[in-house]
Amino acid sequence: MRQACDAIGLDPSGQFRRISDDTVYSDGIHFRRVSEISANRETLFLERKFFHRWICGINAKLVRVEIRSKLIEYQLEATEALDDYFSQGFAINERALQQWRHRAGFQRRTDR
């Protein structure tokens, strides 16, 4: 978590408090002892499925300006996916689908 916070310009201790206070995260938080150059310390790890939830809850005004638009884009896409899942019963990642089609050699037919 520290590296993710540092990368986007957030205070790790504030995010740790935010995560620790939220009961939904209780199954997704893991602490590991990590050896660093200066000391051995316990570090917070968040499971991937909870990481997505955490990053969607970040106020974009608080992150570094240079990554703000990318964060907002991610949050909007995640909102769309959740809405599709709960309102339609499924969600499709169009970008991943296009990449899969490209790798698999599928071409869109335009001669119809």
N, C-alpha and C. Protein backbone atom coordinates (compact mmCIF):
# COMPACT_ATOMS: atom_id res chain seq x y z
N MET A 1 0.82 -1.19 0.00
CA MET A 1 0.00 0.00 0.00
C MET A 1 0.86 1.26 0.00
N ARG A 2 1.96 1.21 0.71
CA ARG A 2 2.82 2.39 0.78
C ARG A 2 3.28 2.81 -0.61
N GLN A 3 3.68 1.83 -1.42
CA GLN A 3 4.16 2.15 -2.77
C GLN A 3 3.05 2.75 -3.62
N ALA A 4 1.85 2.22 -3.51
CA ALA A 4 0.72 2.76 -4.28
C ALA A 4 0.41 4.19 -3.84
N CYS A 5 0.42 4.41 -2.53
CA CYS A 5 0.16 5.77 -2.01
C CYS A 5 1.24 6.75 -2.47
N ASP A 6 2.49 6.32 -2.37
CA ASP A 6 3.59 7.18 -2.80
C ASP A 6 3.48 7.51 -4.29
N ALA A 7 3.09 6.52 -5.08
CA ALA A 7 3.00 6.71 -6.53
C ALA A 7 1.96 7.74 -6.93
N ILE A 8 0.88 7.82 -6.15
CA ILE A 8 -0.17 8.78 -6.52
C ILE A 8 -0.19 10.02 -5.64
N GLY A 9 0.71 10.08 -4.69
CA GLY A 9 0.84 11.29 -3.88
C GLY A 9 -0.06 11.36 -2.67
N LEU A 10 -0.40 10.23 -2.08
CA LEU A 10 -1.24 10.21 -0.88
C LEU A 10 -0.41 9.85 0.34
N ASP A 11 -0.85 10.31 1.49
CA ASP A 11 -0.21 9.99 2.76
C ASP A 11 -0.57 8.55 3.15
N PRO A 12 0.39 7.64 3.20
CA PRO A 12 0.09 6.24 3.52
C PRO A 12 -0.59 6.06 4.89
N SER A 13 -0.19 6.85 5.88
CA SER A 13 -0.79 6.67 7.21
C SER A 13 -2.27 7.05 7.20
N GLY A 14 -2.64 8.05 6.44
CA GLY A 14 -4.06 8.44 6.32
C GLY A 14 -4.86 7.35 5.63
N GLN A 15 -4.28 6.75 4.61
CA GLN A 15 -4.97 5.67 3.90
C GLN A 15 -5.06 4.42 4.76
N PHE A 16 -4.03 4.16 5.54
CA PHE A 16 -4.06 3.02 6.47
C PHE A 16 -5.22 3.19 7.45
N ARG A 17 -5.38 4.40 8.01
CA ARG A 17 -6.49 4.66 8.93
C ARG A 17 -7.83 4.47 8.22
N ARG A 18 -7.94 4.98 7.01
CA ARG A 18 -9.18 4.86 6.24
C ARG A 18 -9.54 3.39 6.02
N ILE A 19 -8.58 2.59 5.65
CA ILE A 19 -8.81 1.16 5.39
C ILE A 19 -9.11 0.42 6.70
N SER A 20 -8.36 0.72 7.74
CA SER A 20 -8.53 0.04 9.02
C SER A 20 -9.90 0.31 9.64
N ASP A 21 -10.46 1.48 9.38
CA ASP A 21 -11.76 1.85 9.95
C ASP A 21 -12.94 1.27 9.18
N ASP A 22 -12.70 0.67 8.03
CA ASP A 22 -13.77 0.16 7.17
C ASP A 22 -13.87 -1.35 7.33
N THR A 23 -14.99 -1.84 7.86
CA THR A 23 -15.14 -3.27 8.13
C THR A 23 -15.11 -4.13 6.86
N VAL A 24 -15.45 -3.58 5.73
CA VAL A 24 -15.44 -4.35 4.48
C VAL A 24 -14.03 -4.84 4.16
N TYR A 25 -13.03 -4.07 4.52
CA TYR A 25 -11.65 -4.43 4.21
C TYR A 25 -11.07 -5.50 5.16
N SER A 26 -11.76 -5.83 6.21
CA SER A 26 -11.17 -6.70 7.24
C SER A 26 -10.66 -8.04 6.70
N ASP A 27 -11.32 -8.61 5.70
CA ASP A 27 -10.86 -9.87 5.12
C ASP A 27 -9.75 -9.68 4.09
N GLY A 28 -9.53 -8.46 3.66
CA GLY A 28 -8.56 -8.22 2.60
C GLY A 28 -7.27 -7.58 3.03
N ILE A 29 -7.13 -7.32 4.33
CA ILE A 29 -5.92 -6.69 4.85
C ILE A 29 -4.97 -7.76 5.38
N HIS A 30 -3.73 -7.64 4.99
CA HIS A 30 -2.70 -8.55 5.49
C HIS A 30 -1.47 -7.74 5.87
N PHE A 31 -0.89 -8.08 6.97
CA PHE A 31 0.35 -7.42 7.40
C PHE A 31 1.50 -8.40 7.22
N ARG A 32 2.59 -7.92 6.70
CA ARG A 32 3.78 -8.73 6.51
C ARG A 32 4.99 -7.95 7.01
N ARG A 33 5.90 -8.65 7.61
CA ARG A 33 7.14 -8.03 8.03
C ARG A 33 8.02 -7.91 6.80
N VAL A 34 8.44 -6.70 6.49
CA VAL A 34 9.25 -6.43 5.31
C VAL A 34 10.58 -5.87 5.76
N SER A 35 11.63 -6.42 5.23
CA SER A 35 12.96 -5.96 5.56
C SER A 35 13.36 -4.85 4.60
N GLU A 36 13.67 -3.70 5.14
CA GLU A 36 14.13 -2.57 4.35
C GLU A 36 15.56 -2.26 4.74
N ILE A 37 16.17 -1.40 4.02
CA ILE A 37 17.57 -1.05 4.28
C ILE A 37 17.77 -0.56 5.70
N SER A 38 16.89 0.30 6.16
CA SER A 38 17.08 0.91 7.47
C SER A 38 16.46 0.12 8.62
N ALA A 39 15.44 -0.69 8.33
CA ALA A 39 14.76 -1.37 9.44
C ALA A 39 13.85 -2.49 8.94
N ASN A 40 13.45 -3.31 9.88
CA ASN A 40 12.42 -4.31 9.65
C ASN A 40 11.11 -3.68 10.09
N ARG A 41 10.10 -3.67 9.24
CA ARG A 41 8.84 -3.10 9.70
C ARG A 41 7.67 -3.85 9.09
N GLU A 42 6.54 -3.72 9.75
CA GLU A 42 5.33 -4.38 9.28
C GLU A 42 4.69 -3.50 8.22
N THR A 43 4.28 -4.12 7.12
CA THR A 43 3.71 -3.39 6.00
C THR A 43 2.31 -3.93 5.70
N LEU A 44 1.44 -3.02 5.33
CA LEU A 44 0.07 -3.37 4.98
C LEU A 44 0.00 -3.80 3.52
N PHE A 45 -0.63 -4.95 3.29
CA PHE A 45 -0.92 -5.41 1.95
C PHE A 45 -2.43 -5.54 1.83
N LEU A 46 -2.95 -5.15 0.69
CA LEU A 46 -4.38 -5.22 0.44
C LEU A 46 -4.60 -6.15 -0.75
N GLU A 47 -5.49 -7.13 -0.59
CA GLU A 47 -5.77 -8.06 -1.68
C GLU A 47 -6.27 -7.27 -2.90
N ARG A 48 -5.99 -7.82 -4.08
CA ARG A 48 -6.31 -7.13 -5.33
C ARG A 48 -7.78 -6.71 -5.41
N LYS A 49 -8.70 -7.60 -5.07
CA LYS A 49 -10.11 -7.24 -5.19
C LYS A 49 -10.48 -6.07 -4.28
N PHE A 50 -9.80 -5.94 -3.17
CA PHE A 50 -10.04 -4.80 -2.28
C PHE A 50 -9.28 -3.56 -2.75
N PHE A 51 -8.17 -3.78 -3.43
CA PHE A 51 -7.40 -2.66 -3.97
C PHE A 51 -8.25 -1.84 -4.94
N HIS A 52 -9.02 -2.53 -5.79
CA HIS A 52 -9.88 -1.82 -6.74
C HIS A 52 -10.91 -0.96 -6.01
N ARG A 53 -11.47 -1.51 -4.95
CA ARG A 53 -12.44 -0.74 -4.16
C ARG A 53 -11.79 0.47 -3.52
N TRP A 54 -10.58 0.25 -2.98
CA TRP A 54 -9.87 1.34 -2.32
C TRP A 54 -9.58 2.47 -3.31
N ILE A 55 -9.06 2.14 -4.46
CA ILE A 55 -8.65 3.18 -5.40
C ILE A 55 -9.85 3.93 -5.97
N CYS A 56 -11.00 3.25 -6.02
CA CYS A 56 -12.21 3.94 -6.49
C CYS A 56 -12.74 4.93 -5.46
N GLY A 57 -12.36 4.76 -4.21
CA GLY A 57 -12.82 5.66 -3.16
C GLY A 57 -11.92 6.85 -2.90
N ILE A 58 -10.85 6.96 -3.66
CA ILE A 58 -9.90 8.07 -3.46
C ILE A 58 -10.45 9.34 -4.10
N ASN A 59 -10.38 10.42 -3.37
CA ASN A 59 -10.78 11.72 -3.90
C ASN A 59 -9.69 12.19 -4.86
N ALA A 60 -10.03 12.31 -6.13
CA ALA A 60 -9.06 12.67 -7.17
C ALA A 60 -8.39 14.02 -6.90
N LYS A 61 -9.04 14.88 -6.15
CA LYS A 61 -8.45 16.18 -5.83
C LYS A 61 -7.21 16.05 -4.94
N LEU A 62 -7.05 14.89 -4.29
CA LEU A 62 -5.96 14.69 -3.35
C LEU A 62 -4.72 14.07 -3.97
N VAL A 63 -4.81 13.61 -5.20
CA VAL A 63 -3.67 12.93 -5.82
C VAL A 63 -2.85 13.92 -6.66
N ARG A 64 -1.67 13.46 -7.06
CA ARG A 64 -0.81 14.30 -7.88
C ARG A 64 -1.52 14.69 -9.17
N VAL A 65 -1.35 15.93 -9.56
CA VAL A 65 -2.04 16.47 -10.73
C VAL A 65 -1.79 15.64 -11.98
N GLU A 66 -0.56 15.18 -12.16
CA GLU A 66 -0.22 14.47 -13.40
C GLU A 66 -0.90 13.11 -13.55
N ILE A 67 -1.45 12.55 -12.48
CA ILE A 67 -2.14 11.27 -12.63
C ILE A 67 -3.65 11.39 -12.38
N ARG A 68 -4.10 12.58 -12.07
CA ARG A 68 -5.50 12.81 -11.71
C ARG A 68 -6.47 12.34 -12.80
N SER A 69 -6.22 12.70 -14.05
CA SER A 69 -7.16 12.33 -15.12
C SER A 69 -7.20 10.82 -15.31
N LYS A 70 -6.07 10.14 -15.15
CA LYS A 70 -6.03 8.68 -15.28
C LYS A 70 -6.83 8.03 -14.16
N LEU A 71 -6.72 8.56 -12.95
CA LEU A 71 -7.49 8.03 -11.82
C LEU A 71 -8.98 8.21 -12.06
N ILE A 72 -9.37 9.38 -12.51
CA ILE A 72 -10.79 9.65 -12.77
C ILE A 72 -11.31 8.72 -13.87
N GLU A 73 -10.52 8.51 -14.90
CA GLU A 73 -10.89 7.59 -15.98
C GLU A 73 -11.11 6.18 -15.43
N TYR A 74 -10.21 5.73 -14.57
CA TYR A 74 -10.33 4.41 -13.95
C TYR A 74 -11.60 4.34 -13.10
N GLN A 75 -11.84 5.37 -12.29
CA GLN A 75 -13.01 5.36 -11.41
C GLN A 75 -14.31 5.35 -12.20
N LEU A 76 -14.36 6.08 -13.30
CA LEU A 76 -15.56 6.09 -14.14
C LEU A 76 -15.78 4.73 -14.80
N GLU A 77 -14.71 4.11 -15.26
CA GLU A 77 -14.83 2.78 -15.88
C GLU A 77 -15.29 1.76 -14.84
N ALA A 78 -14.76 1.84 -13.64
CA ALA A 78 -15.17 0.92 -12.57
C ALA A 78 -16.63 1.14 -12.21
N THR A 79 -17.07 2.37 -12.18
CA THR A 79 -18.47 2.69 -11.89
C THR A 79 -19.37 2.08 -12.95
N GLU A 80 -18.97 2.21 -14.21
CA GLU A 80 -19.72 1.63 -15.33
C GLU A 80 -19.79 0.10 -15.21
N ALA A 81 -18.67 -0.52 -14.87
CA ALA A 81 -18.62 -1.98 -14.73
C ALA A 81 -19.54 -2.46 -13.60
N LEU A 82 -19.50 -1.76 -12.48
CA LEU A 82 -20.37 -2.14 -11.36
C LEU A 82 -21.84 -1.97 -11.72
N ASP A 83 -22.16 -0.88 -12.39
CA ASP A 83 -23.54 -0.66 -12.80
C ASP A 83 -24.00 -1.75 -13.77
N ASP A 84 -23.15 -2.08 -14.74
CA ASP A 84 -23.50 -3.15 -15.68
C ASP A 84 -23.71 -4.47 -14.96
N TYR A 85 -22.82 -4.78 -14.04
CA TYR A 85 -22.91 -6.04 -13.31
C TYR A 85 -24.21 -6.13 -12.50
N PHE A 86 -24.53 -5.08 -11.76
CA PHE A 86 -25.71 -5.14 -10.90
C PHE A 86 -27.01 -4.88 -11.64
N SER A 87 -26.99 -4.15 -12.73
CA SER A 87 -28.24 -3.87 -13.45
C SER A 87 -28.50 -4.85 -14.59
N GLN A 88 -27.44 -5.39 -15.20
CA GLN A 88 -27.61 -6.30 -16.33
C GLN A 88 -27.22 -7.74 -16.00
N GLY A 89 -26.51 -7.93 -14.90
CA GLY A 89 -26.08 -9.26 -14.52
C GLY A 89 -24.71 -9.65 -15.02
N PHE A 90 -24.06 -8.78 -15.78
CA PHE A 90 -22.72 -9.04 -16.28
C PHE A 90 -22.07 -7.72 -16.70
N ALA A 91 -20.76 -7.77 -16.79
CA ALA A 91 -20.00 -6.60 -17.25
C ALA A 91 -18.93 -7.10 -18.20
N ILE A 92 -18.73 -6.37 -19.28
CA ILE A 92 -17.72 -6.73 -20.27
C ILE A 92 -16.67 -5.64 -20.33
N ASN A 93 -15.42 -6.06 -20.23
CA ASN A 93 -14.30 -5.13 -20.38
C ASN A 93 -13.98 -5.07 -21.87
N GLU A 94 -14.48 -4.05 -22.54
CA GLU A 94 -14.32 -3.93 -23.99
C GLU A 94 -12.85 -3.88 -24.41
N ARG A 95 -12.04 -3.20 -23.64
CA ARG A 95 -10.61 -3.09 -23.96
C ARG A 95 -9.95 -4.46 -23.91
N ALA A 96 -10.23 -5.23 -22.87
CA ALA A 96 -9.66 -6.57 -22.76
C ALA A 96 -10.21 -7.49 -23.85
N LEU A 97 -11.47 -7.34 -24.18
CA LEU A 97 -12.07 -8.15 -25.24
C LEU A 97 -11.40 -7.87 -26.58
N GLN A 98 -11.16 -6.61 -26.88
CA GLN A 98 -10.48 -6.24 -28.12
C GLN A 98 -9.07 -6.81 -28.16
N GLN A 99 -8.35 -6.76 -27.05
CA GLN A 99 -7.00 -7.32 -26.99
C GLN A 99 -7.03 -8.83 -27.19
N TRP A 100 -8.00 -9.49 -26.59
CA TRP A 100 -8.13 -10.93 -26.75
C TRP A 100 -8.41 -11.28 -28.20
N ARG A 101 -9.34 -10.54 -28.82
CA ARG A 101 -9.66 -10.79 -30.23
C ARG A 101 -8.42 -10.60 -31.11
N HIS A 102 -7.67 -9.58 -30.84
CA HIS A 102 -6.46 -9.30 -31.62
C HIS A 102 -5.46 -10.45 -31.47
N ARG A 103 -5.22 -10.87 -30.23
CA ARG A 103 -4.27 -11.97 -29.98
C ARG A 103 -4.75 -13.27 -30.60
N ALA A 104 -6.06 -13.49 -30.58
CA ALA A 104 -6.61 -14.73 -31.11
C ALA A 104 -6.75 -14.71 -32.63
N GLY A 105 -6.50 -13.56 -33.24
CA GLY A 105 -6.56 -13.45 -34.69
C GLY A 105 -7.94 -13.17 -35.24
N PHE A 106 -8.87 -12.77 -34.38
CA PHE A 106 -10.20 -12.42 -34.85
C PHE A 106 -10.16 -11.04 -35.50
N GLN A 107 -10.79 -10.91 -36.61
CA GLN A 107 -10.89 -9.62 -37.28
C GLN A 107 -12.38 -9.28 -37.39
N ARG A 108 -12.68 -8.03 -37.26
CA ARG A 108 -14.07 -7.58 -37.40
C ARG A 108 -14.39 -7.56 -38.89
N ARG A 109 -15.47 -8.18 -39.24
CA ARG A 109 -15.87 -8.21 -40.65
C ARG A 109 -16.51 -6.89 -41.04
N THR A 110 -16.04 -6.33 -42.12
CA THR A 110 -16.60 -5.06 -42.60
C THR A 110 -17.25 -5.21 -43.96
N ASP A 111 -17.31 -6.43 -44.50
CA ASP A 111 -17.83 -6.64 -45.85
C ASP A 111 -19.30 -7.06 -45.87
N ARG A 112 -20.05 -6.71 -44.89
CA ARG A 112 -21.47 -7.11 -44.82
C ARG A 112 -22.34 -6.14 -45.57
